[in-house]
Amino acid sequence: MEINQVTERIIGAAIEVHQQLGPGLLESAYEECLYYELNNQGLLVKKQLALPLIYKEVKLDAGYRIDLMVENKVIVEIKAVDAIAEIHKAQLMTYMKLANIRIGLLINFNVKRLKDGIVRWII
């Protein structure tokens, strides 16, 4: 499956979750529901995937976790905040670099219209 098809399916599933739940819940609720939707579509999805930090050729468990990894191609970072801040974008970019993944989605469910809460990032 092409990367654009994967991201389109993720965004479509996120819109479905947002339409069903609306804003105002915890990130964990949106994560579980999005995980459920993507699995139902037959996509390979891993949640709360441990992400080690490599420092001076030493693998360290620094407690980083990727919210969702879809098809081993896309990192999905889920937020439920008033607004996406630069630190959220930096977090996604760092996870992408550490995991050697070229595309990521930052999805903030705490918005009136979900399209206003989605950032697609490519490195």
PDB file of N, CA and C in Angstrom:
ATOM      1  N   MET A   1       0.840  -1.172   0.000  1.00  0.00           N
ATOM      2  CA  MET A   1       0.000   0.000   0.000  1.00  0.00           C
ATOM      3  C   MET A   1       0.889   1.241   0.000  1.00  0.00           C
ATOM      4  N   GLU A   2       0.532   2.190  -0.850  1.00  0.00           N
ATOM      5  CA  GLU A   2       1.290   3.435  -0.937  1.00  0.00           C
ATOM      6  C   GLU A   2       1.142   4.267   0.326  1.00  0.00           C
ATOM      7  N   ILE A   3       2.151   5.061   0.608  1.00  0.00           N
ATOM      8  CA  ILE A   3       2.165   5.868   1.825  1.00  0.00           C
ATOM      9  C   ILE A   3       0.986   6.838   1.875  1.00  0.00           C
ATOM     10  N   ASN A   4       0.634   7.441   0.736  1.00  0.00           N
ATOM     11  CA  ASN A   4      -0.497   8.366   0.713  1.00  0.00           C
ATOM     12  C   ASN A   4      -1.813   7.657   1.022  1.00  0.00           C
ATOM     13  N   GLN A   5      -1.946   6.429   0.561  1.00  0.00           N
ATOM     14  CA  GLN A   5      -3.147   5.652   0.872  1.00  0.00           C
ATOM     15  C   GLN A   5      -3.227   5.362   2.365  1.00  0.00           C
ATOM     16  N   VAL A   6      -2.089   5.055   2.957  1.00  0.00           N
ATOM     17  CA  VAL A   6      -2.045   4.778   4.394  1.00  0.00           C
ATOM     18  C   VAL A   6      -2.454   6.017   5.174  1.00  0.00           C
ATOM     19  N   THR A   7      -1.869   7.177   4.847  1.00  0.00           N
ATOM     20  CA  THR A   7      -2.198   8.389   5.596  1.00  0.00           C
ATOM     21  C   THR A   7      -3.657   8.797   5.370  1.00  0.00           C
ATOM     22  N   GLU A   8      -4.178   8.602   4.172  1.00  0.00           N
ATOM     23  CA  GLU A   8      -5.593   8.903   3.914  1.00  0.00           C
ATOM     24  C   GLU A   8      -6.499   8.037   4.780  1.00  0.00           C
ATOM     25  N   ARG A   9      -6.168   6.765   4.907  1.00  0.00           N
ATOM     26  CA  ARG A   9      -6.980   5.859   5.730  1.00  0.00           C
ATOM     27  C   ARG A   9      -6.889   6.218   7.209  1.00  0.00           C
ATOM     28  N   ILE A  10      -5.705   6.622   7.649  1.00  0.00           N
ATOM     29  CA  ILE A  10      -5.543   7.041   9.052  1.00  0.00           C
ATOM     30  C   ILE A  10      -6.396   8.279   9.318  1.00  0.00           C
ATOM     31  N   ILE A  11      -6.300   9.263   8.440  1.00  0.00           N
ATOM     32  CA  ILE A  11      -7.061  10.500   8.619  1.00  0.00           C
ATOM     33  C   ILE A  11      -8.563  10.218   8.570  1.00  0.00           C
ATOM     34  N   GLY A  12      -8.994   9.375   7.642  1.00  0.00           N
ATOM     35  CA  GLY A  12     -10.404   9.010   7.569  1.00  0.00           C
ATOM     36  C   GLY A  12     -10.893   8.344   8.842  1.00  0.00           C
ATOM     37  N   ALA A  13     -10.079   7.454   9.392  1.00  0.00           N
ATOM     38  CA  ALA A  13     -10.434   6.775  10.649  1.00  0.00           C
ATOM     39  C   ALA A  13     -10.460   7.771  11.807  1.00  0.00           C
ATOM     40  N   ALA A  14      -9.517   8.708  11.822  1.00  0.00           N
ATOM     41  CA  ALA A  14      -9.483   9.726  12.872  1.00  0.00           C
ATOM     42  C   ALA A  14     -10.729  10.615  12.800  1.00  0.00           C
ATOM     43  N   ILE A  15     -11.149  10.942  11.594  1.00  0.00           N
ATOM     44  CA  ILE A  15     -12.369  11.745  11.424  1.00  0.00           C
ATOM     45  C   ILE A  15     -13.574  10.979  11.954  1.00  0.00           C
ATOM     46  N   GLU A  16     -13.644   9.694  11.681  1.00  0.00           N
ATOM     47  CA  GLU A  16     -14.731   8.861  12.199  1.00  0.00           C
ATOM     48  C   GLU A  16     -14.743   8.866  13.728  1.00  0.00           C
ATOM     49  N   VAL A  17     -13.588   8.695  14.332  1.00  0.00           N
ATOM     50  CA  VAL A  17     -13.488   8.708  15.796  1.00  0.00           C
ATOM     51  C   VAL A  17     -13.950  10.060  16.334  1.00  0.00           C
ATOM     52  N   HIS A  18     -13.479  11.133  15.703  1.00  0.00           N
ATOM     53  CA  HIS A  18     -13.835  12.479  16.168  1.00  0.00           C
ATOM     54  C   HIS A  18     -15.331  12.736  16.014  1.00  0.00           C
ATOM     55  N   GLN A  19     -15.925  12.271  14.924  1.00  0.00           N
ATOM     56  CA  GLN A  19     -17.366  12.444  14.732  1.00  0.00           C
ATOM     57  C   GLN A  19     -18.165  11.697  15.795  1.00  0.00           C
ATOM     58  N   GLN A  20     -17.673  10.539  16.187  1.00  0.00           N
ATOM     59  CA  GLN A  20     -18.371   9.737  17.188  1.00  0.00           C
ATOM     60  C   GLN A  20     -18.196  10.293  18.602  1.00  0.00           C
ATOM     61  N   LEU A  21     -16.987  10.763  18.936  1.00  0.00           N
ATOM     62  CA  LEU A  21     -16.678  11.161  20.302  1.00  0.00           C
ATOM     63  C   LEU A  21     -16.693  12.671  20.547  1.00  0.00           C
ATOM     64  N   GLY A  22     -16.302  13.433  19.529  1.00  0.00           N
ATOM     65  CA  GLY A  22     -16.158  14.872  19.710  1.00  0.00           C
ATOM     66  C   GLY A  22     -14.924  15.198  20.538  1.00  0.00           C
ATOM     67  N   PRO A  23     -14.683  16.485  20.785  1.00  0.00           N
ATOM     68  CA  PRO A  23     -13.524  16.889  21.589  1.00  0.00           C
ATOM     69  C   PRO A  23     -13.801  16.730  23.076  1.00  0.00           C
ATOM     70  N   GLY A  24     -12.743  16.821  23.885  1.00  0.00           N
ATOM     71  CA  GLY A  24     -12.902  16.890  25.332  1.00  0.00           C
ATOM     72  C   GLY A  24     -12.510  15.653  26.116  1.00  0.00           C
ATOM     73  N   LEU A  25     -12.100  14.586  25.442  1.00  0.00           N
ATOM     74  CA  LEU A  25     -11.698  13.374  26.154  1.00  0.00           C
ATOM     75  C   LEU A  25     -10.181  13.317  26.305  1.00  0.00           C
ATOM     76  N   LEU A  26      -9.702  12.313  27.017  1.00  0.00           N
ATOM     77  CA  LEU A  26      -8.266  12.106  27.167  1.00  0.00           C
ATOM     78  C   LEU A  26      -7.660  11.506  25.904  1.00  0.00           C
ATOM     79  N   GLU A  27      -6.375  11.758  25.715  1.00  0.00           N
ATOM     80  CA  GLU A  27      -5.661  11.198  24.567  1.00  0.00           C
ATOM     81  C   GLU A  27      -5.820   9.683  24.492  1.00  0.00           C
ATOM     82  N   SER A  28      -5.770   9.029  25.640  1.00  0.00           N
ATOM     83  CA  SER A  28      -5.845   7.566  25.674  1.00  0.00           C
ATOM     84  C   SER A  28      -7.149   7.044  25.071  1.00  0.00           C
ATOM     85  N   ALA A  29      -8.244   7.761  25.247  1.00  0.00           N
ATOM     86  CA  ALA A  29      -9.524   7.342  24.673  1.00  0.00           C
ATOM     87  C   ALA A  29      -9.476   7.413  23.147  1.00  0.00           C
ATOM     88  N   TYR A  30      -8.944   8.499  22.622  1.00  0.00           N
ATOM     89  CA  TYR A  30      -8.832   8.641  21.169  1.00  0.00           C
ATOM     90  C   TYR A  30      -7.873   7.606  20.590  1.00  0.00           C
ATOM     91  N   GLU A  31      -6.799   7.351  21.301  1.00  0.00           N
ATOM     92  CA  GLU A  31      -5.819   6.356  20.846  1.00  0.00           C
ATOM     93  C   GLU A  31      -6.462   4.977  20.729  1.00  0.00           C
ATOM     94  N   GLU A  32      -7.186   4.564  21.750  1.00  0.00           N
ATOM     95  CA  GLU A  32      -7.838   3.246  21.725  1.00  0.00           C
ATOM     96  C   GLU A  32      -8.847   3.142  20.587  1.00  0.00           C
ATOM     97  N   CYS A  33      -9.636   4.196  20.407  1.00  0.00           N
ATOM     98  CA  CYS A  33     -10.655   4.171  19.353  1.00  0.00           C
ATOM     99  C   CYS A  33     -10.026   4.196  17.962  1.00  0.00           C
ATOM    100  N   LEU A  34      -8.981   4.990  17.783  1.00  0.00           N
ATOM    101  CA  LEU A  34      -8.306   5.031  16.484  1.00  0.00           C
ATOM    102  C   LEU A  34      -7.620   3.699  16.207  1.00  0.00           C
ATOM    103  N   TYR A  35      -7.025   3.109  17.215  1.00  0.00           N
ATOM    104  CA  TYR A  35      -6.418   1.780  17.088  1.00  0.00           C
ATOM    105  C   TYR A  35      -7.475   0.765  16.621  1.00  0.00           C
ATOM    106  N   TYR A  36      -8.636   0.805  17.250  1.00  0.00           N
ATOM    107  CA  TYR A  36      -9.749  -0.084  16.899  1.00  0.00           C
ATOM    108  C   TYR A  36     -10.161   0.122  15.442  1.00  0.00           C
ATOM    109  N   GLU A  37     -10.353   1.372  15.032  1.00  0.00           N
ATOM    110  CA  GLU A  37     -10.781   1.676  13.656  1.00  0.00           C
ATOM    111  C   GLU A  37      -9.764   1.181  12.626  1.00  0.00           C
ATOM    112  N   LEU A  38      -8.499   1.435  12.885  1.00  0.00           N
ATOM    113  CA  LEU A  38      -7.453   1.044  11.927  1.00  0.00           C
ATOM    114  C   LEU A  38      -7.320  -0.472  11.843  1.00  0.00           C
ATOM    115  N   ASN A  39      -7.424  -1.146  12.983  1.00  0.00           N
ATOM    116  CA  ASN A  39      -7.408  -2.613  12.978  1.00  0.00           C
ATOM    117  C   ASN A  39      -8.581  -3.170  12.195  1.00  0.00           C
ATOM    118  N   ASN A  40      -9.746  -2.563  12.362  1.00  0.00           N
ATOM    119  CA  ASN A  40     -10.937  -3.006  11.629  1.00  0.00           C
ATOM    120  C   ASN A  40     -10.768  -2.859  10.118  1.00  0.00           C
ATOM    121  N   GLN A  41      -9.926  -1.944   9.700  1.00  0.00           N
ATOM    122  CA  GLN A  41      -9.643  -1.757   8.275  1.00  0.00           C
ATOM    123  C   GLN A  41      -8.600  -2.749   7.765  1.00  0.00           C
ATOM    124  N   GLY A  42      -8.071  -3.554   8.660  1.00  0.00           N
ATOM    125  CA  GLY A  42      -7.075  -4.536   8.255  1.00  0.00           C
ATOM    126  C   GLY A  42      -5.658  -3.996   8.183  1.00  0.00           C
ATOM    127  N   LEU A  43      -5.436  -2.817   8.732  1.00  0.00           N
ATOM    128  CA  LEU A  43      -4.091  -2.245   8.738  1.00  0.00           C
ATOM    129  C   LEU A  43      -3.276  -2.823   9.885  1.00  0.00           C
ATOM    130  N   LEU A  44      -1.983  -2.927   9.670  1.00  0.00           N
ATOM    131  CA  LEU A  44      -1.061  -3.348  10.726  1.00  0.00           C
ATOM    132  C   LEU A  44      -0.811  -2.148  11.628  1.00  0.00           C
ATOM    133  N   VAL A  45      -1.216  -2.256  12.892  1.00  0.00           N
ATOM    134  CA  VAL A  45      -1.091  -1.137  13.828  1.00  0.00           C
ATOM    135  C   VAL A  45      -0.454  -1.625  15.124  1.00  0.00           C
ATOM    136  N   LYS A  46       0.553  -0.892  15.564  1.00  0.00           N
ATOM    137  CA  LYS A  46       1.168  -1.149  16.864  1.00  0.00           C
ATOM    138  C   LYS A  46       0.916   0.075  17.722  1.00  0.00           C
ATOM    139  N   LYS A  47       0.552  -0.145  19.004  1.00  0.00           N
ATOM    140  CA  LYS A  47       0.320   1.004  19.876  1.00  0.00           C
ATOM    141  C   LYS A  47       1.298   0.990  21.039  1.00  0.00           C
ATOM    142  N   GLN A  48       1.601   2.189  21.494  1.00  0.00           N
ATOM    143  CA  GLN A  48       2.533   2.397  22.595  1.00  0.00           C
ATOM    144  C   GLN A  48       3.837   1.618  22.367  1.00  0.00           C
ATOM    145  N   LEU A  49       4.358   1.791  21.174  1.00  0.00           N
ATOM    146  CA  LEU A  49       5.568   1.109  20.736  1.00  0.00           C
ATOM    147  C   LEU A  49       6.791   1.754  21.393  1.00  0.00           C
ATOM    148  N   ALA A  50       7.547   0.954  22.138  1.00  0.00           N
ATOM    149  CA  ALA A  50       8.757   1.459  22.800  1.00  0.00           C
ATOM    150  C   ALA A  50       9.758   1.939  21.757  1.00  0.00           C
ATOM    151  N   LEU A  51      10.350   3.076  22.037  1.00  0.00           N
ATOM    152  CA  LEU A  51      11.311   3.679  21.122  1.00  0.00           C
ATOM    153  C   LEU A  51      12.597   3.957  21.885  1.00  0.00           C
ATOM    154  N   PRO A  52      13.607   3.106  21.708  1.00  0.00           N
ATOM    155  CA  PRO A  52      14.857   3.329  22.436  1.00  0.00           C
ATOM    156  C   PRO A  52      15.620   4.527  21.872  1.00  0.00           C
ATOM    157  N   LEU A  53      16.462   5.075  22.689  1.00  0.00           N
ATOM    158  CA  LEU A  53      17.323   6.181  22.307  1.00  0.00           C
ATOM    159  C   LEU A  53      18.730   5.627  22.132  1.00  0.00           C
ATOM    160  N   ILE A  54      19.341   5.901  20.993  1.00  0.00           N
ATOM    161  CA  ILE A  54      20.726   5.480  20.758  1.00  0.00           C
ATOM    162  C   ILE A  54      21.620   6.684  21.047  1.00  0.00           C
ATOM    163  N   TYR A  55      22.467   6.522  22.051  1.00  0.00           N
ATOM    164  CA  TYR A  55      23.367   7.592  22.444  1.00  0.00           C
ATOM    165  C   TYR A  55      24.784   7.036  22.492  1.00  0.00           C
ATOM    166  N   LYS A  56      25.649   7.593  21.640  1.00  0.00           N
ATOM    167  CA  LYS A  56      27.037   7.145  21.554  1.00  0.00           C
ATOM    168  C   LYS A  56      27.108   5.629  21.402  1.00  0.00           C
ATOM    169  N   GLU A  57      26.297   5.128  20.464  1.00  0.00           N
ATOM    170  CA  GLU A  57      26.248   3.711  20.107  1.00  0.00           C
ATOM    171  C   GLU A  57      25.733   2.808  21.219  1.00  0.00           C
ATOM    172  N   VAL A  58      25.098   3.403  22.225  1.00  0.00           N
ATOM    173  CA  VAL A  58      24.510   2.630  23.312  1.00  0.00           C
ATOM    174  C   VAL A  58      22.992   2.790  23.238  1.00  0.00           C
ATOM    175  N   LYS A  59      22.290   1.677  23.276  1.00  0.00           N
ATOM    176  CA  LYS A  59      20.833   1.684  23.236  1.00  0.00           C
ATOM    177  C   LYS A  59      20.301   1.903  24.652  1.00  0.00           C
ATOM    178  N   LEU A  60      19.589   3.008  24.846  1.00  0.00           N
ATOM    179  CA  LEU A  60      19.069   3.369  26.165  1.00  0.00           C
ATOM    180  C   LEU A  60      17.547   3.344  26.154  1.00  0.00           C
ATOM    181  N   ASP A  61      16.958   2.828  27.202  1.00  0.00           N
ATOM    182  CA  ASP A  61      15.514   2.879  27.353  1.00  0.00           C
ATOM    183  C   ASP A  61      15.184   4.175  28.074  1.00  0.00           C
ATOM    184  N   ALA A  62      14.781   5.173  27.285  1.00  0.00           N
ATOM    185  CA  ALA A  62      14.494   6.486  27.852  1.00  0.00           C
ATOM    186  C   ALA A  62      13.002   6.690  28.093  1.00  0.00           C
ATOM    187  N   GLY A  63      12.213   5.652  27.879  1.00  0.00           N
ATOM    188  CA  GLY A  63      10.783   5.742  28.157  1.00  0.00           C
ATOM    189  C   GLY A  63       9.954   6.355  27.049  1.00  0.00           C
ATOM    190  N   TYR A  64      10.550   6.540  25.870  1.00  0.00           N
ATOM    191  CA  TYR A  64       9.780   7.098  24.757  1.00  0.00           C
ATOM    192  C   TYR A  64       8.848   6.041  24.188  1.00  0.00           C
ATOM    193  N   ARG A  65       7.636   6.463  23.828  1.00  0.00           N
ATOM    194  CA  ARG A  65       6.650   5.552  23.257  1.00  0.00           C
ATOM    195  C   ARG A  65       5.941   6.242  22.100  1.00  0.00           C
ATOM    196  N   ILE A  66       5.864   5.528  20.996  1.00  0.00           N
ATOM    197  CA  ILE A  66       5.110   6.000  19.839  1.00  0.00           C
ATOM    198  C   ILE A  66       3.650   5.623  20.077  1.00  0.00           C
ATOM    199  N   ASP A  67       2.747   6.596  19.956  1.00  0.00           N
ATOM    200  CA  ASP A  67       1.331   6.306  20.186  1.00  0.00           C
ATOM    201  C   ASP A  67       0.858   5.184  19.258  1.00  0.00           C
ATOM    202  N   LEU A  68       0.963   5.415  17.948  1.00  0.00           N
ATOM    203  CA  LEU A  68       0.587   4.392  16.969  1.00  0.00           C
ATOM    204  C   LEU A  68       1.601   4.363  15.837  1.00  0.00           C
ATOM    205  N   MET A  69       1.959   3.164  15.411  1.00  0.00           N
ATOM    206  CA  MET A  69       2.779   2.969  14.219  1.00  0.00           C
ATOM    207  C   MET A  69       1.902   2.167  13.259  1.00  0.00           C
ATOM    208  N   VAL A  70       1.668   2.712  12.076  1.00  0.00           N
ATOM    209  CA  VAL A  70       0.755   2.091  11.124  1.00  0.00           C
ATOM    210  C   VAL A  70       1.543   1.589   9.917  1.00  0.00           C
ATOM    211  N   GLU A  71       1.361   0.306   9.634  1.00  0.00           N
ATOM    212  CA  GLU A  71       1.996  -0.352   8.481  1.00  0.00           C
ATOM    213  C   GLU A  71       3.518  -0.203   8.492  1.00  0.00           C
ATOM    214  N   ASN A  72       4.094   0.010   9.646  1.00  0.00           N
ATOM    215  CA  ASN A  72       5.543   0.228   9.787  1.00  0.00           C
ATOM    216  C   ASN A  72       6.044   1.369   8.908  1.00  0.00           C
ATOM    217  N   LYS A  73       5.123   2.303   8.573  1.00  0.00           N
ATOM    218  CA  LYS A  73       5.462   3.410   7.677  1.00  0.00           C
ATOM    219  C   LYS A  73       5.111   4.784   8.230  1.00  0.00           C
ATOM    220  N   VAL A  74       4.116   4.847   9.117  1.00  0.00           N
ATOM    221  CA  VAL A  74       3.606   6.138   9.570  1.00  0.00           C
ATOM    222  C   VAL A  74       3.517   6.149  11.096  1.00  0.00           C
ATOM    223  N   ILE A  75       4.092   7.192  11.689  1.00  0.00           N
ATOM    224  CA  ILE A  75       3.945   7.414  13.123  1.00  0.00           C
ATOM    225  C   ILE A  75       2.762   8.348  13.332  1.00  0.00           C
ATOM    226  N   VAL A  76       1.880   7.967  14.252  1.00  0.00           N
ATOM    227  CA  VAL A  76       0.742   8.814  14.598  1.00  0.00           C
ATOM    228  C   VAL A  76       0.896   9.229  16.054  1.00  0.00           C
ATOM    229  N   GLU A  77       1.028  10.516  16.259  1.00  0.00           N
ATOM    230  CA  GLU A  77       1.124  11.077  17.609  1.00  0.00           C
ATOM    231  C   GLU A  77      -0.210  11.751  17.905  1.00  0.00           C
ATOM    232  N   ILE A  78      -0.857  11.316  18.970  1.00  0.00           N
ATOM    233  CA  ILE A  78      -2.194  11.783  19.313  1.00  0.00           C
ATOM    234  C   ILE A  78      -2.116  12.791  20.455  1.00  0.00           C
ATOM    235  N   LYS A  79      -2.877  13.868  20.284  1.00  0.00           N
ATOM    236  CA  LYS A  79      -2.958  14.908  21.312  1.00  0.00           C
ATOM    237  C   LYS A  79      -4.420  15.242  21.581  1.00  0.00           C
ATOM    238  N   ALA A  80      -4.663  15.784  22.761  1.00  0.00           N
ATOM    239  CA  ALA A  80      -5.963  16.337  23.133  1.00  0.00           C
ATOM    240  C   ALA A  80      -5.663  17.607  23.916  1.00  0.00           C
ATOM    241  N   VAL A  81      -5.198  18.623  23.188  1.00  0.00           N
ATOM    242  CA  VAL A  81      -4.726  19.867  23.787  1.00  0.00           C
ATOM    243  C   VAL A  81      -5.464  21.057  23.174  1.00  0.00           C
ATOM    244  N   ASP A  82      -5.338  22.225  23.816  1.00  0.00           N
ATOM    245  CA  ASP A  82      -5.997  23.424  23.294  1.00  0.00           C
ATOM    246  C   ASP A  82      -5.499  23.786  21.898  1.00  0.00           C
ATOM    247  N   ALA A  83      -4.201  23.649  21.680  1.00  0.00           N
ATOM    248  CA  ALA A  83      -3.608  23.952  20.371  1.00  0.00           C
ATOM    249  C   ALA A  83      -2.301  23.183  20.227  1.00  0.00           C
ATOM    250  N   ILE A  84      -1.997  22.815  19.002  1.00  0.00           N
ATOM    251  CA  ILE A  84      -0.721  22.159  18.731  1.00  0.00           C
ATOM    252  C   ILE A  84       0.379  23.201  18.876  1.00  0.00           C
ATOM    253  N   ALA A  85       1.368  22.870  19.683  1.00  0.00           N
ATOM    254  CA  ALA A  85       2.499  23.770  19.924  1.00  0.00           C
ATOM    255  C   ALA A  85       3.721  23.267  19.171  1.00  0.00           C
ATOM    256  N   GLU A  86       4.713  24.113  19.060  1.00  0.00           N
ATOM    257  CA  GLU A  86       5.952  23.734  18.374  1.00  0.00           C
ATOM    258  C   GLU A  86       6.606  22.524  19.038  1.00  0.00           C
ATOM    259  N   ILE A  87       6.481  22.396  20.344  1.00  0.00           N
ATOM    260  CA  ILE A  87       7.084  21.260  21.042  1.00  0.00           C
ATOM    261  C   ILE A  87       6.443  19.946  20.611  1.00  0.00           C
ATOM    262  N   HIS A  88       5.151  19.964  20.281  1.00  0.00           N
ATOM    263  CA  HIS A  88       4.475  18.755  19.790  1.00  0.00           C
ATOM    264  C   HIS A  88       5.033  18.343  18.429  1.00  0.00           C
ATOM    265  N   LYS A  89       5.262  19.336  17.578  1.00  0.00           N
ATOM    266  CA  LYS A  89       5.856  19.066  16.259  1.00  0.00           C
ATOM    267  C   LYS A  89       7.278  18.539  16.425  1.00  0.00           C
ATOM    268  N   ALA A  90       8.023  19.129  17.342  1.00  0.00           N
ATOM    269  CA  ALA A  90       9.398  18.679  17.597  1.00  0.00           C
ATOM    270  C   ALA A  90       9.404  17.245  18.111  1.00  0.00           C
ATOM    271  N   GLN A  91       8.456  16.914  18.976  1.00  0.00           N
ATOM    272  CA  GLN A  91       8.345  15.544  19.492  1.00  0.00           C
ATOM    273  C   GLN A  91       8.125  14.565  18.345  1.00  0.00           C
ATOM    274  N   LEU A  92       7.190  14.878  17.463  1.00  0.00           N
ATOM    275  CA  LEU A  92       6.921  14.000  16.320  1.00  0.00           C
ATOM    276  C   LEU A  92       8.164  13.849  15.446  1.00  0.00           C
ATOM    277  N   MET A  93       8.821  14.951  15.148  1.00  0.00           N
ATOM    278  CA  MET A  93      10.019  14.886  14.309  1.00  0.00           C
ATOM    279  C   MET A  93      11.113  14.049  14.959  1.00  0.00           C
ATOM    280  N   THR A  94      11.288  14.181  16.259  1.00  0.00           N
ATOM    281  CA  THR A  94      12.290  13.396  16.972  1.00  0.00           C
ATOM    282  C   THR A  94      11.960  11.912  16.913  1.00  0.00           C
ATOM    283  N   TYR A  95      10.707  11.561  17.148  1.00  0.00           N
ATOM    284  CA  TYR A  95      10.292  10.160  17.064  1.00  0.00           C
ATOM    285  C   TYR A  95      10.527   9.608  15.660  1.00  0.00           C
ATOM    286  N   MET A  96      10.240  10.412  14.650  1.00  0.00           N
ATOM    287  CA  MET A  96      10.444   9.972  13.271  1.00  0.00           C
ATOM    288  C   MET A  96      11.923   9.702  13.009  1.00  0.00           C
ATOM    289  N   LYS A  97      12.778  10.585  13.476  1.00  0.00           N
ATOM    290  CA  LYS A  97      14.218  10.410  13.283  1.00  0.00           C
ATOM    291  C   LYS A  97      14.723   9.171  14.024  1.00  0.00           C
ATOM    292  N   LEU A  98      14.322   9.017  15.290  1.00  0.00           N
ATOM    293  CA  LEU A  98      14.774   7.878  16.085  1.00  0.00           C
ATOM    294  C   LEU A  98      14.298   6.541  15.512  1.00  0.00           C
ATOM    295  N   ALA A  99      13.093   6.542  14.940  1.00  0.00           N
ATOM    296  CA  ALA A  99      12.515   5.308  14.391  1.00  0.00           C
ATOM    297  C   ALA A  99      12.852   5.118  12.914  1.00  0.00           C
ATOM    298  N   ASN A 100      13.522   6.100  12.310  1.00  0.00           N
ATOM    299  CA  ASN A 100      13.856   6.063  10.886  1.00  0.00           C
ATOM    300  C   ASN A 100      12.595   5.909  10.024  1.00  0.00           C
ATOM    301  N   ILE A 101      11.592   6.717  10.344  1.00  0.00           N
ATOM    302  CA  ILE A 101      10.324   6.743   9.617  1.00  0.00           C
ATOM    303  C   ILE A 101      10.206   8.113   8.961  1.00  0.00           C
ATOM    304  N   ARG A 102       9.806   8.133   7.697  1.00  0.00           N
ATOM    305  CA  ARG A 102       9.797   9.383   6.932  1.00  0.00           C
ATOM    306  C   ARG A 102       8.523  10.212   7.072  1.00  0.00           C
ATOM    307  N   ILE A 103       7.428   9.604   7.510  1.00  0.00           N
ATOM    308  CA  ILE A 103       6.169  10.355   7.554  1.00  0.00           C
ATOM    309  C   ILE A 103       5.481  10.183   8.898  1.00  0.00           C
ATOM    310  N   GLY A 104       4.914  11.297   9.371  1.00  0.00           N
ATOM    311  CA  GLY A 104       4.212  11.266  10.640  1.00  0.00           C
ATOM    312  C   GLY A 104       2.968  12.129  10.599  1.00  0.00           C
ATOM    313  N   LEU A 105       2.011  11.757  11.419  1.00  0.00           N
ATOM    314  CA  LEU A 105       0.789  12.551  11.583  1.00  0.00           C
ATOM    315  C   LEU A 105       0.661  12.943  13.042  1.00  0.00           C
ATOM    316  N   LEU A 106       0.427  14.207  13.267  1.00  0.00           N
ATOM    317  CA  LEU A 106       0.141  14.737  14.587  1.00  0.00           C
ATOM    318  C   LEU A 106      -1.340  15.090  14.565  1.00  0.00           C
ATOM    319  N   ILE A 107      -2.132  14.415  15.398  1.00  0.00           N
ATOM    320  CA  ILE A 107      -3.584  14.603  15.368  1.00  0.00           C
ATOM    321  C   ILE A 107      -4.060  15.085  16.735  1.00  0.00           C
ATOM    322  N   ASN A 108      -4.606  16.301  16.742  1.00  0.00           N
ATOM    323  CA  ASN A 108      -5.164  16.883  17.960  1.00  0.00           C
ATOM    324  C   ASN A 108      -6.687  16.742  17.907  1.00  0.00           C
ATOM    325  N   PHE A 109      -7.230  15.914  18.785  1.00  0.00           N
ATOM    326  CA  PHE A 109      -8.666  15.663  18.801  1.00  0.00           C
ATOM    327  C   PHE A 109      -9.453  16.725  19.568  1.00  0.00           C
ATOM    328  N   ASN A 110      -8.780  17.645  20.227  1.00  0.00           N
ATOM    329  CA  ASN A 110      -9.468  18.648  21.034  1.00  0.00           C
ATOM    330  C   ASN A 110      -9.762  19.906  20.206  1.00  0.00           C
ATOM    331  N   VAL A 111     -10.384  19.698  19.057  1.00  0.00           N
ATOM    332  CA  VAL A 111     -10.753  20.787  18.160  1.00  0.00           C
ATOM    333  C   VAL A 111     -12.190  20.578  17.699  1.00  0.00           C
ATOM    334  N   LYS A 112     -12.799  21.655  17.214  1.00  0.00           N
ATOM    335  CA  LYS A 112     -14.182  21.567  16.735  1.00  0.00           C
ATOM    336  C   LYS A 112     -14.257  20.757  15.438  1.00  0.00           C
ATOM    337  N   ARG A 113     -13.358  21.072  14.496  1.00  0.00           N
ATOM    338  CA  ARG A 113     -13.277  20.340  13.229  1.00  0.00           C
ATOM    339  C   ARG A 113     -11.908  19.655  13.172  1.00  0.00           C
ATOM    340  N   LEU A 114     -11.903  18.351  13.009  1.00  0.00           N
ATOM    341  CA  LEU A 114     -10.639  17.616  13.094  1.00  0.00           C
ATOM    342  C   LEU A 114      -9.619  18.074  12.065  1.00  0.00           C
ATOM    343  N   LYS A 115     -10.059  18.477  10.891  1.00  0.00           N
ATOM    344  CA  LYS A 115      -9.085  18.911   9.874  1.00  0.00           C
ATOM    345  C   LYS A 115      -8.226  20.070  10.363  1.00  0.00           C
ATOM    346  N   ASP A 116      -8.731  20.823  11.355  1.00  0.00           N
ATOM    347  CA  ASP A 116      -7.947  21.921  11.938  1.00  0.00           C
ATOM    348  C   ASP A 116      -6.912  21.420  12.945  1.00  0.00           C
ATOM    349  N   GLY A 117      -6.963  20.127  13.279  1.00  0.00           N
ATOM    350  CA  GLY A 117      -6.054  19.573  14.273  1.00  0.00           C
ATOM    351  C   GLY A 117      -5.069  18.559  13.715  1.00  0.00           C
ATOM    352  N   ILE A 118      -4.891  18.540  12.398  1.00  0.00           N
ATOM    353  CA  ILE A 118      -4.008  17.530  11.791  1.00  0.00           C
ATOM    354  C   ILE A 118      -2.795  18.204  11.163  1.00  0.00           C
ATOM    355  N   VAL A 119      -1.622  17.679  11.509  1.00  0.00           N
ATOM    356  CA  VAL A 119      -0.366  18.104  10.884  1.00  0.00           C
ATOM    357  C   VAL A 119       0.258  16.857  10.274  1.00  0.00           C
ATOM    358  N   ARG A 120       0.594  16.920   8.985  1.00  0.00           N
ATOM    359  CA  ARG A 120       1.273  15.825   8.281  1.00  0.00           C
ATOM    360  C   ARG A 120       2.715  16.273   8.072  1.00  0.00           C
ATOM    361  N   TRP A 121       3.653  15.438   8.511  1.00  0.00           N
ATOM    362  CA  TRP A 121       5.066  15.823   8.470  1.00  0.00           C
ATOM    363  C   TRP A 121       5.855  14.782   7.688  1.00  0.00           C
ATOM    364  N   ILE A 122       6.728  15.277   6.799  1.00  0.00           N
ATOM    365  CA  ILE A 122       7.589  14.391   5.996  1.00  0.00           C
ATOM    366  C   ILE A 122       9.028  14.849   6.173  1.00  0.00           C
ATOM    367  N   ILE A 123       9.922  13.861   6.433  1.00  0.00           N
ATOM    368  CA  ILE A 123      11.352  14.215   6.515  1.00  0.00           C
ATOM    369  C   ILE A 123      12.116  13.419   5.469  1.00  0.00           C
TER     370      ILE A 123
END
